Amino acid sequence: MMKFELGRCLLQERLNESDMTLEELSRQLRYKPERILDYMDNKRVMPLKTAISIANSVGCNVQDLYDLKPID
C-alpha cells in the first residue's frame, strides 16, 4: 500500500481540458468562485465530497485534481 501527499491542485488544467470556466463550475455546483479559486491557488484543500462533485462536473477522476506525490 502506497501513501500519497497532496501536491499542487490541478483543477485549472482539468477545467481547460473540459472547456468549462470557473464561473460555469461555480454556478453548476452553487459554490462561490472565490472558494474554488482558493482550491486552485492551494489556499484550501478540497474536502472529499467537494472533490467528488468537482471531478464529476469536469469529467475526471478525483485523483486527477491534485498532483499526488508518493511518500516512502
C-alpha atoms as a PDB file:
ATOM      1  CA  MET A   1       0.000   0.000   0.000  1.00  0.00           C
ATOM      2  CA  MET A   2       1.424   3.349  -1.038  1.00  0.00           C
ATOM      3  CA  LYS A   3       0.718   6.618   0.760  1.00  0.00           C
ATOM      4  CA  PHE A   4       0.442   9.928  -1.050  1.00  0.00           C
ATOM      5  CA  GLU A   5       0.850  13.575  -0.195  1.00  0.00           C
ATOM      6  CA  LEU A   6      -1.213  16.192  -1.997  1.00  0.00           C
ATOM      7  CA  GLY A   7       0.843  18.432  -4.226  1.00  0.00           C
ATOM      8  CA  ARG A   8      -0.375  21.253  -6.419  1.00  0.00           C
ATOM      9  CA  CYS A   9      -4.070  21.494  -7.292  1.00  0.00           C
ATOM     10  CA  LEU A  10      -4.630  20.662 -10.976  1.00  0.00           C
ATOM     11  CA  LEU A  11      -8.177  21.992 -11.251  1.00  0.00           C
ATOM     12  CA  GLN A  12      -7.228  24.732 -13.738  1.00  0.00           C
ATOM     13  CA  GLU A  13      -5.813  22.072 -16.082  1.00  0.00           C
ATOM     14  CA  ARG A  14      -8.965  19.955 -15.704  1.00  0.00           C
ATOM     15  CA  LEU A  15     -11.157  22.999 -16.438  1.00  0.00           C
ATOM     16  CA  ASN A  16      -9.103  23.727 -19.570  1.00  0.00           C
ATOM     17  CA  GLU A  17      -9.494  20.124 -20.754  1.00  0.00           C
ATOM     18  CA  SER A  18     -13.256  20.194 -20.190  1.00  0.00           C
ATOM     19  CA  ASP A  19     -13.735  23.622 -21.832  1.00  0.00           C
ATOM     20  CA  MET A  20     -15.522  24.732 -18.662  1.00  0.00           C
ATOM     21  CA  THR A  21     -14.930  28.071 -16.984  1.00  0.00           C
ATOM     22  CA  LEU A  22     -14.555  28.718 -13.286  1.00  0.00           C
ATOM     23  CA  GLU A  23     -17.830  30.651 -13.411  1.00  0.00           C
ATOM     24  CA  GLU A  24     -19.679  27.743 -15.053  1.00  0.00           C
ATOM     25  CA  LEU A  25     -18.336  25.304 -12.470  1.00  0.00           C
ATOM     26  CA  SER A  26     -19.229  27.564  -9.545  1.00  0.00           C
ATOM     27  CA  ARG A  27     -22.732  28.121 -10.931  1.00  0.00           C
ATOM     28  CA  GLN A  28     -23.291  24.400 -11.560  1.00  0.00           C
ATOM     29  CA  LEU A  29     -22.154  23.390  -8.057  1.00  0.00           C
ATOM     30  CA  ARG A  30     -23.515  26.507  -6.313  1.00  0.00           C
ATOM     31  CA  TYR A  31     -20.117  27.351  -4.830  1.00  0.00           C
ATOM     32  CA  LYS A  32     -18.710  30.844  -4.658  1.00  0.00           C
ATOM     33  CA  PRO A  33     -15.992  31.350  -7.318  1.00  0.00           C
ATOM     34  CA  GLU A  34     -13.676  32.574  -4.529  1.00  0.00           C
ATOM     35  CA  ARG A  35     -13.937  29.197  -2.807  1.00  0.00           C
ATOM     36  CA  ILE A  36     -12.947  27.346  -5.973  1.00  0.00           C
ATOM     37  CA  LEU A  37     -10.121  29.819  -6.541  1.00  0.00           C
ATOM     38  CA  ASP A  38      -8.841  29.034  -3.036  1.00  0.00           C
ATOM     39  CA  TYR A  39      -8.599  25.372  -4.065  1.00  0.00           C
ATOM     40  CA  MET A  40      -6.873  26.277  -7.328  1.00  0.00           C
ATOM     41  CA  ASP A  41      -4.375  28.532  -5.517  1.00  0.00           C
ATOM     42  CA  ASN A  42      -3.671  25.827  -2.893  1.00  0.00           C
ATOM     43  CA  LYS A  43      -5.025  28.044  -0.111  1.00  0.00           C
ATOM     44  CA  ARG A  44      -7.542  25.336   0.843  1.00  0.00           C
ATOM     45  CA  VAL A  45      -7.697  21.574   0.290  1.00  0.00           C
ATOM     46  CA  MET A  46     -10.927  20.270  -1.216  1.00  0.00           C
ATOM     47  CA  PRO A  47     -12.985  18.116   1.130  1.00  0.00           C
ATOM     48  CA  LEU A  48     -13.633  14.692  -0.415  1.00  0.00           C
ATOM     49  CA  LYS A  49     -17.328  15.415  -1.035  1.00  0.00           C
ATOM     50  CA  THR A  50     -16.407  18.619  -2.895  1.00  0.00           C
ATOM     51  CA  ALA A  51     -13.644  16.893  -4.875  1.00  0.00           C
ATOM     52  CA  ILE A  52     -16.089  14.180  -5.988  1.00  0.00           C
ATOM     53  CA  SER A  53     -18.606  16.806  -7.157  1.00  0.00           C
ATOM     54  CA  ILE A  54     -15.937  18.804  -8.990  1.00  0.00           C
ATOM     55  CA  ALA A  55     -14.443  15.706 -10.637  1.00  0.00           C
ATOM     56  CA  ASN A  56     -17.895  14.628 -11.789  1.00  0.00           C
ATOM     57  CA  SER A  57     -18.594  18.096 -13.213  1.00  0.00           C
ATOM     58  CA  VAL A  58     -15.336  18.387 -15.173  1.00  0.00           C
ATOM     59  CA  GLY A  59     -15.270  14.723 -16.218  1.00  0.00           C
ATOM     60  CA  CYS A  60     -12.170  13.419 -14.461  1.00  0.00           C
ATOM     61  CA  ASN A  61     -11.202  11.131 -11.585  1.00  0.00           C
ATOM     62  CA  VAL A  62     -10.832  12.602  -8.098  1.00  0.00           C
ATOM     63  CA  GLN A  63      -7.127  11.655  -8.176  1.00  0.00           C
ATOM     64  CA  ASP A  64      -6.675  13.884 -11.242  1.00  0.00           C
ATOM     65  CA  LEU A  65      -7.481  17.024  -9.251  1.00  0.00           C
ATOM     66  CA  TYR A  66      -4.131  17.085  -7.440  1.00  0.00           C
ATOM     67  CA  ASP A  67      -0.521  16.304  -8.194  1.00  0.00           C
ATOM     68  CA  LEU A  68      -0.068  13.225  -5.978  1.00  0.00           C
ATOM     69  CA  LYS A  69       3.391  12.680  -4.503  1.00  0.00           C
ATOM     70  CA  PRO A  70       4.251   9.195  -3.197  1.00  0.00           C
ATOM     71  CA  ILE A  71       5.561   9.059   0.371  1.00  0.00           C
ATOM     72  CA  ASP A  72       8.167   6.429   1.263  1.00  0.00           C
END
